[in-house]
Protein backbone atom coordinates (compact mmCIF):
# COMPACT_ATOMS: atom_id res chain seq x y z
CA MET A 1 -22.47 -28.86 13.01
CA ALA A 2 -19.11 -27.36 13.86
CA LYS A 3 -15.96 -29.45 13.96
CA ARG A 4 -14.73 -30.49 17.34
CA HIS A 5 -11.26 -29.22 18.18
CA ASP A 6 -8.96 -31.10 20.52
CA ASP A 7 -6.88 -27.98 21.19
CA PHE A 8 -7.91 -25.23 23.54
CA LEU A 9 -8.85 -22.03 21.73
CA PRO A 10 -9.41 -18.54 23.10
CA ILE A 11 -13.07 -17.56 23.39
CA ASN A 12 -12.70 -14.72 20.86
CA ALA A 13 -11.44 -17.20 18.23
CA ILE A 14 -14.38 -19.49 18.93
CA LEU A 15 -16.85 -16.59 18.64
CA LYS A 16 -15.30 -15.39 15.37
CA GLU A 17 -15.56 -18.89 13.94
CA PHE A 18 -19.19 -19.18 15.10
CA ILE A 19 -20.08 -15.81 13.54
CA LYS A 20 -18.39 -16.76 10.26
CA GLU A 21 -19.98 -20.22 10.05
CA ASN A 22 -23.46 -18.83 10.71
CA LYS A 23 -22.99 -15.84 8.37
CA LEU A 24 -23.70 -13.26 11.06
CA GLU A 25 -21.01 -10.73 10.04
CA LYS A 26 -23.38 -8.23 8.42
CA GLY A 27 -25.76 -8.21 11.37
CA ILE A 28 -22.92 -7.72 13.82
CA GLN A 29 -21.54 -4.88 11.68
CA LYS A 30 -24.94 -3.15 11.60
CA LEU A 31 -25.26 -3.28 15.37
CA THR A 32 -21.69 -2.12 15.86
CA VAL A 33 -22.15 0.87 13.54
CA GLU A 34 -25.36 1.90 15.34
CA LYS A 35 -23.55 1.76 18.68
CA LEU A 36 -20.42 3.48 17.37
CA TRP A 37 -22.15 6.57 15.87
CA PRO A 38 -23.00 8.35 19.17
CA GLU A 39 -19.65 7.38 20.69
CA LEU A 40 -17.63 8.92 17.84
CA MET A 41 -19.84 11.89 17.02
CA GLY A 42 -20.68 12.93 20.56
CA SER A 43 -23.92 13.58 22.39
CA GLY A 44 -24.65 16.86 20.56
CA ILE A 45 -24.90 15.18 17.18
CA ALA A 46 -26.45 12.03 18.63
CA ASN A 47 -29.33 14.12 20.03
CA TYR A 48 -30.19 15.31 16.51
CA THR A 49 -29.90 11.82 14.99
CA GLU A 50 -33.14 9.95 14.30
CA SER A 51 -31.67 6.73 12.91
CA VAL A 52 -28.41 5.08 11.91
CA THR A 53 -28.51 2.19 9.44
CA LEU A 54 -25.99 0.30 7.35
CA LYS A 55 -27.19 -0.87 3.92
CA ASN A 56 -24.77 -2.52 1.49
CA LYS A 57 -21.68 -0.60 2.66
CA THR A 58 -23.65 2.66 2.74
CA LEU A 59 -24.13 4.35 6.10
CA VAL A 60 -27.50 6.11 6.13
CA ILE A 61 -27.95 8.77 8.82
CA LYS A 62 -31.33 10.40 9.30
CA LEU A 63 -31.01 13.77 11.05
CA LYS A 64 -33.55 16.13 12.60
CA SER A 65 -31.64 19.28 11.63
CA SER A 66 -31.01 20.46 8.08
CA VAL A 67 -28.26 22.76 9.34
CA LEU A 68 -26.43 19.84 10.96
CA ARG A 69 -26.93 17.77 7.80
CA GLU A 70 -25.22 20.51 5.76
CA GLU A 71 -22.33 20.79 8.24
CA LEU A 72 -21.74 17.03 8.31
CA SER A 73 -21.85 16.81 4.52
CA TYR A 74 -18.55 18.73 4.37
CA GLY A 75 -16.80 16.01 6.38
CA LYS A 76 -18.24 12.86 4.81
CA GLU A 77 -14.86 11.35 3.91
CA LYS A 78 -13.51 12.02 7.39
CA ILE A 79 -16.55 10.38 9.02
CA ILE A 80 -16.25 7.31 6.76
CA LYS A 81 -12.53 7.00 7.51
CA MET A 82 -13.07 7.40 11.27
CA MET A 83 -15.86 4.80 11.37
CA ASN A 84 -13.86 2.27 9.33
CA GLU A 85 -10.79 2.76 11.54
CA HIS A 86 -12.83 2.00 14.65
CA LEU A 87 -14.47 -1.00 12.98
CA GLY A 88 -11.07 -2.38 11.98
CA GLU A 89 -12.03 -3.00 8.35
CA GLU A 90 -13.59 -1.21 5.40
CA VAL A 91 -17.28 -1.66 6.15
CA ILE A 92 -18.49 1.73 4.89
CA ASN A 93 -17.92 3.11 1.38
CA GLN A 94 -20.58 5.84 1.24
CA LEU A 95 -22.39 8.12 3.66
CA LYS A 96 -25.92 9.40 3.03
CA LEU A 97 -27.29 12.14 5.22
CA LEU A 98 -31.08 12.43 5.20
């Protein structure tokens, strides 16, 4: 059970504490990455994306187009950097394009 605080806390601080106490960080990160991919990459790339998963700091993207896979492979570091910047921490170390 969580400690009771006598002080008033902002709701975001309470939610962060709840997430940390219940060890939900990884699940939240997975959902955030899945939501962030189409926003950052645009609808053109999102239409050719079959799945987006995060496994042990590795972002795994399954694509429908081999041509797009080849094009994205040239910018792996840039994609990783962009995703981590939007997440606010280093969540992704590697990118696998399948």
